[in-house]
N, C-alpha and C. Protein backbone atom coordinates (compact mmCIF):
# COMPACT_ATOMS: atom_id res chain seq x y z
N MET A 1 99.32 4.28 -19.77
CA MET A 1 98.47 3.34 -19.23
C MET A 1 96.91 3.84 -19.29
N THR A 2 96.12 3.11 -19.92
CA THR A 2 94.68 3.49 -20.06
C THR A 2 93.83 3.02 -18.92
N ARG A 3 92.84 3.84 -18.49
CA ARG A 3 91.97 3.55 -17.44
C ARG A 3 90.80 2.80 -17.96
N LYS A 4 90.54 1.65 -17.33
CA LYS A 4 89.49 0.77 -17.72
C LYS A 4 88.18 1.40 -17.23
N LYS A 5 87.08 1.54 -18.18
CA LYS A 5 85.78 2.12 -17.83
C LYS A 5 85.08 1.08 -16.97
N SER A 6 84.43 1.50 -15.97
CA SER A 6 83.63 0.64 -15.11
C SER A 6 82.48 0.08 -15.87
N SER A 7 82.24 -1.18 -15.78
CA SER A 7 81.00 -1.86 -16.45
C SER A 7 79.81 -1.81 -15.52
N THR A 8 79.81 -1.18 -14.42
CA THR A 8 78.67 -1.12 -13.52
C THR A 8 78.20 0.37 -13.50
N CYS A 9 76.92 0.56 -13.55
CA CYS A 9 76.34 1.76 -13.43
C CYS A 9 75.30 1.82 -12.31
N HIS A 10 75.22 2.78 -11.41
CA HIS A 10 74.27 3.00 -10.39
C HIS A 10 73.27 4.02 -10.80
N ILE A 11 72.06 3.70 -10.64
CA ILE A 11 71.01 4.57 -11.08
C ILE A 11 70.30 5.12 -9.83
N GLY A 12 70.04 6.44 -9.78
CA GLY A 12 69.46 7.05 -8.60
C GLY A 12 68.54 8.12 -8.89
N VAL A 13 67.83 8.67 -7.95
CA VAL A 13 67.04 9.83 -8.05
C VAL A 13 67.42 10.79 -7.03
N ALA A 14 67.87 12.01 -7.51
CA ALA A 14 68.32 13.04 -6.60
C ALA A 14 67.24 13.96 -6.38
N PHE A 15 67.05 14.60 -5.24
CA PHE A 15 66.02 15.55 -4.91
C PHE A 15 66.62 16.95 -4.60
N TYR A 16 65.89 18.00 -5.14
CA TYR A 16 66.29 19.32 -5.04
C TYR A 16 65.16 20.18 -4.69
N SER A 17 65.21 20.98 -3.61
CA SER A 17 63.96 21.69 -3.31
C SER A 17 64.28 23.24 -3.32
N HIS A 18 63.27 24.01 -3.49
CA HIS A 18 63.38 25.41 -3.53
C HIS A 18 61.97 25.87 -2.96
N PRO A 19 62.01 26.86 -2.10
CA PRO A 19 60.80 27.29 -1.46
C PRO A 19 59.57 27.61 -2.39
N ALA A 20 59.82 28.14 -3.49
CA ALA A 20 58.71 28.64 -4.36
C ALA A 20 58.34 27.59 -5.40
N PHE A 21 59.01 26.37 -5.37
CA PHE A 21 58.68 25.43 -6.38
C PHE A 21 58.54 24.00 -5.86
N PRO A 22 57.88 23.04 -6.57
CA PRO A 22 57.82 21.69 -6.02
C PRO A 22 59.21 21.12 -6.05
N THR A 23 59.34 20.13 -5.30
CA THR A 23 60.68 19.38 -5.18
C THR A 23 61.04 18.73 -6.64
N GLN A 24 62.24 19.00 -7.13
CA GLN A 24 62.65 18.60 -8.37
C GLN A 24 63.41 17.16 -8.28
N TRP A 25 62.93 16.30 -9.15
CA TRP A 25 63.58 14.92 -9.35
C TRP A 25 64.50 15.01 -10.27
N VAL A 26 65.62 14.42 -10.14
CA VAL A 26 66.61 14.32 -11.10
C VAL A 26 67.20 12.87 -11.27
N LEU A 27 67.26 12.31 -12.37
CA LEU A 27 67.80 11.01 -12.61
C LEU A 27 69.40 11.06 -12.63
N VAL A 28 70.01 10.33 -11.79
CA VAL A 28 71.42 10.30 -11.79
C VAL A 28 72.10 9.08 -12.04
N LEU A 29 73.24 9.06 -12.70
CA LEU A 29 73.91 7.85 -13.12
C LEU A 29 75.33 8.03 -12.65
N SER A 30 75.98 6.95 -12.06
CA SER A 30 77.46 6.99 -11.71
C SER A 30 77.93 5.69 -11.62
N ASP A 31 79.28 5.50 -11.83
CA ASP A 31 79.87 4.23 -11.60
C ASP A 31 80.24 4.00 -10.16
N ASN A 32 79.90 4.91 -9.31
CA ASN A 32 80.13 4.92 -7.85
C ASN A 32 78.78 4.74 -7.12
N PRO A 33 78.66 3.78 -6.16
CA PRO A 33 77.37 3.73 -5.49
C PRO A 33 77.08 4.84 -4.49
N LEU A 34 77.99 5.77 -4.32
CA LEU A 34 77.66 6.91 -3.49
C LEU A 34 77.53 8.13 -4.38
N PHE A 35 77.59 7.97 -5.72
CA PHE A 35 77.36 8.98 -6.65
C PHE A 35 78.43 10.10 -6.54
N GLU A 36 79.64 9.71 -6.25
CA GLU A 36 80.75 10.65 -6.23
C GLU A 36 81.55 10.40 -7.53
N GLY A 37 82.34 11.47 -7.81
CA GLY A 37 83.12 11.49 -9.14
C GLY A 37 82.33 11.81 -10.30
N HIS A 38 82.59 11.02 -11.36
CA HIS A 38 81.85 11.40 -12.64
C HIS A 38 80.41 11.01 -12.49
N VAL A 39 79.40 11.89 -12.65
CA VAL A 39 78.05 11.70 -12.51
C VAL A 39 77.30 12.30 -13.67
N TRP A 40 76.29 11.65 -14.29
CA TRP A 40 75.41 12.25 -15.22
C TRP A 40 74.07 12.45 -14.50
N CYS A 41 73.57 13.75 -14.74
CA CYS A 41 72.28 14.13 -14.10
C CYS A 41 71.31 14.51 -15.37
N SER A 42 70.17 14.02 -15.10
CA SER A 42 69.08 14.29 -16.22
C SER A 42 67.79 14.61 -15.65
N THR A 43 67.19 15.49 -16.20
CA THR A 43 65.80 16.01 -15.71
C THR A 43 64.99 16.51 -16.87
N ALA A 44 63.69 16.62 -16.56
CA ALA A 44 62.77 17.21 -17.54
C ALA A 44 62.86 18.73 -17.35
N VAL A 45 62.89 19.44 -18.51
CA VAL A 45 62.84 20.92 -18.47
C VAL A 45 61.79 21.46 -19.35
N GLU A 46 61.09 22.41 -18.93
CA GLU A 46 59.99 23.04 -19.75
C GLU A 46 60.55 24.31 -20.42
N THR A 47 60.45 24.38 -21.69
CA THR A 47 60.82 25.51 -22.51
C THR A 47 59.75 26.11 -23.21
N VAL A 48 59.90 27.09 -23.98
CA VAL A 48 58.94 27.68 -24.79
C VAL A 48 58.40 26.74 -25.93
N ASN A 49 59.19 25.63 -26.12
CA ASN A 49 58.75 24.65 -27.15
C ASN A 49 58.16 23.52 -26.39
N GLY A 50 57.90 23.49 -25.10
CA GLY A 50 57.24 22.33 -24.40
C GLY A 50 58.39 21.68 -23.58
N TRP A 51 58.06 20.43 -23.04
CA TRP A 51 58.89 19.70 -22.22
C TRP A 51 59.98 18.99 -23.03
N GLY A 52 61.15 18.80 -22.37
CA GLY A 52 62.16 18.05 -23.10
C GLY A 52 63.14 17.63 -21.93
N ALA A 53 64.26 16.80 -22.41
CA ALA A 53 65.07 16.21 -21.28
C ALA A 53 66.37 16.90 -21.60
N SER A 54 67.11 17.06 -20.38
CA SER A 54 68.44 17.72 -20.31
C SER A 54 69.43 16.80 -19.55
N TRP A 55 70.48 16.46 -20.14
CA TRP A 55 71.63 15.76 -19.52
C TRP A 55 72.82 16.69 -19.21
N THR A 56 73.31 16.56 -18.07
CA THR A 56 74.49 17.45 -17.66
C THR A 56 75.47 16.61 -16.85
N PRO A 57 76.64 16.79 -17.16
CA PRO A 57 77.68 16.02 -16.22
C PRO A 57 77.73 16.84 -15.01
N CYS A 58 77.71 16.14 -13.85
CA CYS A 58 77.72 16.69 -12.62
C CYS A 58 79.18 16.43 -11.95
N ASP A 59 80.08 17.31 -12.15
CA ASP A 59 81.45 17.07 -11.53
C ASP A 59 81.35 16.85 -10.05
N SER A 60 82.04 15.82 -9.65
CA SER A 60 82.29 15.35 -8.32
C SER A 60 80.98 14.84 -7.58
N SER A 61 79.79 15.39 -7.87
CA SER A 61 78.57 14.82 -7.06
C SER A 61 77.31 15.56 -7.69
N PRO A 62 76.23 14.92 -7.54
CA PRO A 62 74.99 15.56 -7.93
C PRO A 62 74.70 16.91 -7.23
N SER A 63 75.41 17.18 -6.09
CA SER A 63 75.11 18.47 -5.37
C SER A 63 75.55 19.73 -6.19
N ALA A 64 76.21 19.34 -7.27
CA ALA A 64 76.74 20.52 -8.20
C ALA A 64 75.63 20.72 -9.22
N PHE A 65 74.62 19.94 -9.44
CA PHE A 65 73.65 20.05 -10.55
C PHE A 65 72.84 21.42 -10.53
N ASN A 66 72.23 21.69 -9.32
CA ASN A 66 71.33 22.81 -9.21
C ASN A 66 71.72 23.72 -8.11
N GLN A 67 72.49 24.79 -8.42
CA GLN A 67 73.08 25.67 -7.43
C GLN A 67 72.06 26.57 -6.64
N ILE A 68 70.88 26.78 -7.26
CA ILE A 68 69.94 27.73 -6.59
C ILE A 68 68.87 26.96 -5.75
N ALA A 69 68.87 25.54 -5.65
CA ALA A 69 68.03 24.78 -4.92
C ALA A 69 68.83 23.88 -3.87
N LEU A 70 68.15 23.59 -2.88
CA LEU A 70 68.78 22.78 -1.79
C LEU A 70 68.78 21.29 -2.24
N PHE A 71 70.03 20.78 -2.25
CA PHE A 71 70.27 19.45 -2.72
C PHE A 71 69.92 18.50 -1.45
N SER A 72 68.93 17.70 -1.35
CA SER A 72 68.54 16.93 -0.24
C SER A 72 69.31 15.57 -0.18
N GLY A 73 69.53 14.89 -1.24
CA GLY A 73 70.18 13.64 -1.24
C GLY A 73 69.55 12.79 -2.36
N ILE A 74 69.93 11.53 -2.39
CA ILE A 74 69.64 10.47 -3.47
C ILE A 74 68.95 9.34 -2.92
N VAL A 75 68.07 8.78 -3.73
CA VAL A 75 67.47 7.47 -3.54
C VAL A 75 68.16 6.52 -4.49
N HIS A 76 68.95 5.58 -4.09
CA HIS A 76 69.64 4.61 -4.91
C HIS A 76 68.72 3.65 -5.45
N VAL A 77 68.36 3.61 -6.70
CA VAL A 77 67.28 2.83 -7.30
C VAL A 77 67.82 1.29 -7.51
N THR A 78 69.03 1.30 -8.31
CA THR A 78 69.42 -0.05 -8.57
C THR A 78 70.95 0.08 -9.27
N ARG A 79 71.53 -1.09 -9.45
CA ARG A 79 72.74 -1.24 -10.11
C ARG A 79 72.64 -2.05 -11.43
N VAL A 80 73.23 -1.79 -12.38
CA VAL A 80 73.26 -2.53 -13.63
C VAL A 80 74.67 -2.82 -14.17
N SER A 81 74.71 -3.89 -14.92
CA SER A 81 76.04 -4.27 -15.51
C SER A 81 76.08 -3.68 -16.92
N MET A 82 76.35 -2.40 -16.83
CA MET A 82 76.47 -1.54 -18.12
C MET A 82 77.22 -0.33 -17.78
N THR A 83 78.06 0.19 -18.76
CA THR A 83 78.70 1.33 -18.44
C THR A 83 77.72 2.50 -18.27
N MET A 84 78.15 3.53 -17.55
CA MET A 84 77.33 4.70 -17.41
C MET A 84 77.01 5.42 -18.77
N ASN A 85 78.00 5.46 -19.57
CA ASN A 85 77.66 6.18 -20.81
C ASN A 85 76.65 5.35 -21.69
N LYS A 86 76.78 4.04 -21.71
CA LYS A 86 75.76 3.28 -22.40
C LYS A 86 74.44 3.32 -21.77
N MET A 87 74.30 3.40 -20.42
CA MET A 87 73.01 3.51 -19.78
C MET A 87 72.40 4.96 -20.18
N GLN A 88 73.23 6.08 -20.17
CA GLN A 88 72.87 7.34 -20.51
C GLN A 88 72.20 7.25 -21.89
N THR A 89 72.89 6.64 -22.81
CA THR A 89 72.48 6.65 -24.18
C THR A 89 71.20 5.78 -24.36
N SER A 90 71.07 4.69 -23.56
CA SER A 90 69.91 3.85 -23.66
C SER A 90 68.66 4.78 -23.07
N ILE A 91 68.86 5.48 -22.01
CA ILE A 91 67.73 6.30 -21.48
C ILE A 91 67.33 7.41 -22.40
N SER A 92 68.36 8.09 -23.01
CA SER A 92 68.10 9.06 -23.94
C SER A 92 67.33 8.59 -25.17
N LYS A 93 67.62 7.44 -25.63
CA LYS A 93 67.01 6.86 -26.83
C LYS A 93 65.49 6.42 -26.47
N SER A 94 65.32 5.85 -25.35
CA SER A 94 64.04 5.24 -25.07
C SER A 94 63.05 6.24 -24.32
N ASN A 95 63.59 7.35 -23.82
CA ASN A 95 62.74 8.17 -23.05
C ASN A 95 62.55 9.63 -23.64
N LEU A 96 62.50 9.73 -24.91
CA LEU A 96 62.13 10.96 -25.49
C LEU A 96 60.77 11.41 -25.08
N ALA A 97 60.69 12.67 -24.69
CA ALA A 97 59.36 13.15 -24.19
C ALA A 97 58.38 13.17 -25.38
N SER A 98 57.51 12.14 -25.41
CA SER A 98 56.59 12.01 -26.56
C SER A 98 55.38 13.01 -26.30
N GLU A 99 54.62 13.03 -27.29
CA GLU A 99 53.36 13.93 -27.27
C GLU A 99 52.52 13.31 -26.20
N VAL A 100 52.34 11.96 -26.13
CA VAL A 100 51.57 11.29 -25.10
C VAL A 100 51.99 11.63 -23.75
N ASP A 101 53.31 11.58 -23.56
CA ASP A 101 53.77 11.91 -22.20
C ASP A 101 53.46 13.30 -21.67
N ARG A 102 53.25 14.22 -22.58
CA ARG A 102 52.96 15.59 -22.25
C ARG A 102 51.52 15.94 -22.07
N PHE A 103 50.55 15.02 -22.35
CA PHE A 103 49.18 15.20 -22.28
C PHE A 103 48.76 15.32 -20.76
N GLU A 104 47.79 15.88 -20.59
CA GLU A 104 47.33 16.00 -19.17
C GLU A 104 47.05 14.60 -18.60
N VAL A 105 46.90 14.66 -17.22
CA VAL A 105 46.65 13.30 -16.51
C VAL A 105 45.44 12.57 -17.10
N GLN A 106 45.74 11.30 -17.45
CA GLN A 106 44.79 10.42 -18.14
C GLN A 106 43.81 9.68 -17.26
N GLY A 107 44.26 9.33 -16.04
CA GLY A 107 43.35 8.69 -15.18
C GLY A 107 43.98 8.48 -13.74
N ASP A 108 43.45 7.64 -12.89
CA ASP A 108 43.90 7.49 -11.53
C ASP A 108 45.37 7.10 -11.47
N GLU A 109 45.74 6.28 -12.41
CA GLU A 109 47.19 5.73 -12.32
C GLU A 109 48.20 6.62 -13.09
N ASP A 110 47.77 7.85 -13.44
CA ASP A 110 48.66 8.66 -14.31
C ASP A 110 49.17 9.77 -13.31
N ILE A 111 50.29 10.43 -13.62
CA ILE A 111 50.75 11.53 -12.85
C ILE A 111 51.12 12.59 -13.94
N PRO A 112 50.89 13.94 -13.54
CA PRO A 112 51.29 15.09 -14.40
C PRO A 112 52.68 15.02 -14.98
N TYR A 113 52.92 15.50 -16.21
CA TYR A 113 54.18 15.69 -16.68
C TYR A 113 55.02 16.69 -15.98
N ASP A 114 56.11 16.16 -15.35
CA ASP A 114 57.06 17.09 -14.73
C ASP A 114 58.31 16.29 -14.47
N THR A 115 59.17 16.85 -13.66
CA THR A 115 60.44 16.10 -13.27
C THR A 115 60.17 14.68 -12.70
N GLU A 116 59.14 14.53 -11.85
CA GLU A 116 58.82 13.31 -11.35
C GLU A 116 58.37 12.29 -12.42
N ARG A 117 57.45 12.77 -13.29
CA ARG A 117 57.02 11.86 -14.37
C ARG A 117 58.18 11.47 -15.26
N TYR A 118 59.07 12.32 -15.62
CA TYR A 118 60.26 12.16 -16.48
C TYR A 118 61.01 10.93 -15.85
N VAL A 119 61.25 11.03 -14.60
CA VAL A 119 62.09 9.97 -13.91
C VAL A 119 61.37 8.62 -13.96
N VAL A 120 60.05 8.62 -13.53
CA VAL A 120 59.28 7.46 -13.49
C VAL A 120 59.28 6.77 -14.80
N LEU A 121 58.92 7.54 -15.93
CA LEU A 121 58.88 6.90 -17.18
C LEU A 121 60.21 6.48 -17.72
N ALA A 122 61.35 7.12 -17.37
CA ALA A 122 62.57 6.64 -17.79
C ALA A 122 62.87 5.26 -17.05
N LEU A 123 62.45 5.18 -15.76
CA LEU A 123 62.72 3.90 -15.03
C LEU A 123 61.77 2.75 -15.57
N LEU A 124 60.59 3.08 -15.91
CA LEU A 124 59.63 2.24 -16.46
C LEU A 124 60.14 1.60 -17.81
N ARG A 125 60.58 2.50 -18.66
CA ARG A 125 61.04 2.04 -19.97
C ARG A 125 62.29 1.23 -19.90
N LEU A 126 63.11 1.50 -18.83
CA LEU A 126 64.27 0.63 -18.66
C LEU A 126 63.73 -0.78 -18.16
N CYS A 127 62.70 -0.81 -17.49
CA CYS A 127 62.17 -2.19 -17.04
C CYS A 127 61.61 -2.78 -18.21
N GLU A 128 60.82 -2.11 -19.05
CA GLU A 128 60.29 -2.74 -20.30
C GLU A 128 61.33 -3.24 -21.15
N GLY A 129 62.49 -2.57 -21.32
CA GLY A 129 63.54 -2.98 -22.16
C GLY A 129 64.45 -4.07 -21.46
N ARG A 130 64.02 -4.37 -20.27
CA ARG A 130 64.68 -5.49 -19.50
C ARG A 130 66.26 -5.00 -19.08
N SER A 131 66.40 -3.76 -19.02
CA SER A 131 67.69 -3.28 -18.51
C SER A 131 67.80 -3.30 -16.97
N ILE A 132 66.57 -3.06 -16.39
CA ILE A 132 66.59 -3.19 -14.92
C ILE A 132 65.27 -3.81 -14.54
N SER A 133 65.28 -4.26 -13.27
CA SER A 133 63.85 -4.73 -12.70
C SER A 133 63.66 -4.02 -11.43
N LEU A 134 62.46 -3.58 -11.32
CA LEU A 134 61.99 -2.86 -10.13
C LEU A 134 60.72 -3.46 -9.55
N PRO A 135 60.46 -3.38 -8.21
CA PRO A 135 59.23 -3.98 -7.60
C PRO A 135 57.91 -3.46 -8.05
N LYS A 136 57.80 -2.21 -8.40
CA LYS A 136 56.61 -1.60 -8.81
C LYS A 136 56.61 -1.19 -10.22
N LEU A 137 55.62 -1.50 -11.14
CA LEU A 137 55.58 -1.17 -12.48
C LEU A 137 54.59 -0.10 -12.93
N GLU A 138 53.59 0.22 -12.18
CA GLU A 138 52.60 1.18 -12.55
C GLU A 138 53.28 2.60 -12.34
N PRO A 139 52.94 3.57 -13.16
CA PRO A 139 53.63 4.97 -12.96
C PRO A 139 53.35 5.50 -11.57
N LYS A 140 52.06 5.49 -11.12
CA LYS A 140 51.62 6.11 -9.92
C LYS A 140 52.34 5.39 -8.78
N SER A 141 52.27 3.96 -8.80
CA SER A 141 52.97 3.14 -7.72
C SER A 141 54.42 3.27 -7.59
N LEU A 142 55.09 3.40 -8.75
CA LEU A 142 56.56 3.64 -8.73
C LEU A 142 56.87 5.06 -8.26
N GLY A 143 56.11 6.06 -8.61
CA GLY A 143 56.35 7.39 -8.11
C GLY A 143 56.09 7.47 -6.58
N ASN A 144 55.09 6.78 -6.20
CA ASN A 144 54.78 6.81 -4.69
C ASN A 144 55.93 6.01 -3.90
N TYR A 145 56.37 4.93 -4.49
CA TYR A 145 57.39 4.08 -3.81
C TYR A 145 58.70 4.96 -3.74
N ILE A 146 59.17 5.59 -4.78
CA ILE A 146 60.30 6.59 -4.67
C ILE A 146 60.12 7.62 -3.71
N ARG A 147 58.83 8.41 -3.86
CA ARG A 147 58.55 9.51 -2.93
C ARG A 147 58.53 8.94 -1.48
N GLY A 148 58.22 7.79 -1.27
CA GLY A 148 58.08 7.17 0.08
C GLY A 148 59.47 7.12 0.84
N ARG A 149 60.50 7.24 0.03
CA ARG A 149 61.90 7.25 0.52
C ARG A 149 62.41 8.63 0.86
N PHE A 150 61.76 9.62 0.30
CA PHE A 150 62.19 10.97 0.52
C PHE A 150 62.26 11.44 2.04
N PRO A 151 61.24 11.01 2.89
CA PRO A 151 61.39 11.23 4.27
C PRO A 151 62.63 10.65 4.83
N ASP A 152 63.10 9.47 4.37
CA ASP A 152 64.28 8.83 4.82
C ASP A 152 65.45 9.73 4.45
N VAL A 153 65.50 10.22 3.28
CA VAL A 153 66.53 11.17 2.75
C VAL A 153 66.56 12.38 3.74
N GLU A 154 65.41 12.94 4.01
CA GLU A 154 65.47 14.15 4.80
C GLU A 154 65.92 13.94 6.24
N GLU A 155 65.51 12.77 6.80
CA GLU A 155 65.89 12.44 8.13
C GLU A 155 67.41 12.19 8.28
N ALA A 156 67.98 11.72 7.23
CA ALA A 156 69.49 11.38 7.20
C ALA A 156 70.38 12.47 6.76
N GLN A 157 69.85 13.57 6.43
CA GLN A 157 70.62 14.82 5.98
C GLN A 157 71.63 15.25 7.09
N ARG A 158 72.70 15.64 6.74
CA ARG A 158 73.73 16.23 7.65
C ARG A 158 73.87 17.73 7.38
N PRO A 159 74.48 18.43 8.35
CA PRO A 159 74.60 19.89 8.08
C PRO A 159 75.37 20.16 6.80
N ALA A 160 75.03 21.21 6.14
CA ALA A 160 75.76 21.53 4.83
C ALA A 160 77.24 21.66 5.05
N VAL A 161 77.72 22.06 6.21
CA VAL A 161 79.19 22.30 6.41
C VAL A 161 79.84 20.91 6.32
N SER A 162 79.20 19.89 6.64
CA SER A 162 79.88 18.53 6.65
C SER A 162 80.26 17.87 5.29
N ASN A 163 79.60 18.59 4.13
CA ASN A 163 79.87 18.15 2.90
C ASN A 163 79.42 16.72 2.58
N MET A 164 78.46 16.25 3.34
CA MET A 164 78.01 14.80 3.22
C MET A 164 76.55 14.92 2.88
N TYR A 165 76.14 13.85 2.01
CA TYR A 165 74.71 13.84 1.63
C TYR A 165 74.20 12.36 1.76
N PRO A 166 73.09 12.20 2.10
CA PRO A 166 72.63 10.86 2.22
C PRO A 166 72.21 10.07 0.87
N VAL A 167 72.52 8.87 0.85
CA VAL A 167 72.11 8.01 -0.25
C VAL A 167 71.30 6.84 0.35
N VAL A 168 70.10 6.79 0.08
CA VAL A 168 69.20 5.89 0.65
C VAL A 168 68.78 4.77 -0.42
N SER A 169 68.87 3.56 0.00
CA SER A 169 68.52 2.43 -0.83
C SER A 169 66.93 2.41 -0.99
N LEU A 170 66.52 2.31 -2.33
CA LEU A 170 65.11 2.19 -2.56
C LEU A 170 64.55 1.00 -1.97
N GLU A 171 65.23 -0.20 -2.06
CA GLU A 171 64.63 -1.47 -1.54
C GLU A 171 64.71 -1.56 -0.12
N SER A 172 65.89 -1.28 0.57
CA SER A 172 66.00 -1.55 2.02
C SER A 172 65.89 -0.31 2.85
N GLY A 173 66.00 0.90 2.38
CA GLY A 173 66.06 2.05 3.26
C GLY A 173 67.37 2.26 3.82
N LYS A 174 68.35 1.44 3.66
CA LYS A 174 69.63 1.59 4.29
C LYS A 174 70.35 2.91 3.75
N VAL A 175 70.92 3.61 4.71
CA VAL A 175 71.54 4.90 4.45
C VAL A 175 73.03 4.84 4.31
N SER A 176 73.58 5.37 3.32
CA SER A 176 75.05 5.54 3.23
C SER A 176 75.28 7.12 3.03
N TYR A 177 76.51 7.49 2.94
CA TYR A 177 76.76 8.92 2.77
C TYR A 177 77.81 9.13 1.77
N GLY A 178 77.52 10.07 0.72
CA GLY A 178 78.48 10.48 -0.23
C GLY A 178 79.05 11.83 0.14
N ARG A 179 80.15 12.26 -0.51
CA ARG A 179 80.67 13.61 -0.23
C ARG A 179 80.62 14.38 -1.45
N SER A 180 80.34 15.69 -1.22
CA SER A 180 80.24 16.69 -2.26
C SER A 180 81.45 17.34 -2.57
């Protein structure tokens, strides 16, 4: 008996913090709205060759992605009618870190290239390709909109021993909990 692949993909932004570094944003994809089970995690990484994108399967939950940082939780951005693997391929093709993306800040509406900008550009390009729709379309506004939910994520955190992490809706601020 073959298992049918889910044709729904949930897109989120996971947050990881470390005392010596800025909070890391990670784009997460899952067929589960609580981002449990099979999850893809993608973030911008800086190497000796410059910035690039890295995709990693996060077994069980995004809490497995970065073991040296504190996993804070997820902002659930949207749900799309597409398999998780097709969405991952779509993001990879449309969000290559171009030379323009890596230039220094261009103006008031621009943000520096880092993990935040990688996530914002990926979401904006999905909007441009009509794969998703979001309420804010300017890079700085979308970044601020997502960042504005981070306090909700922090407030909803459970003790690490509970194995639960908050999943906060970008639109409504409603909190659900996933398990790591």
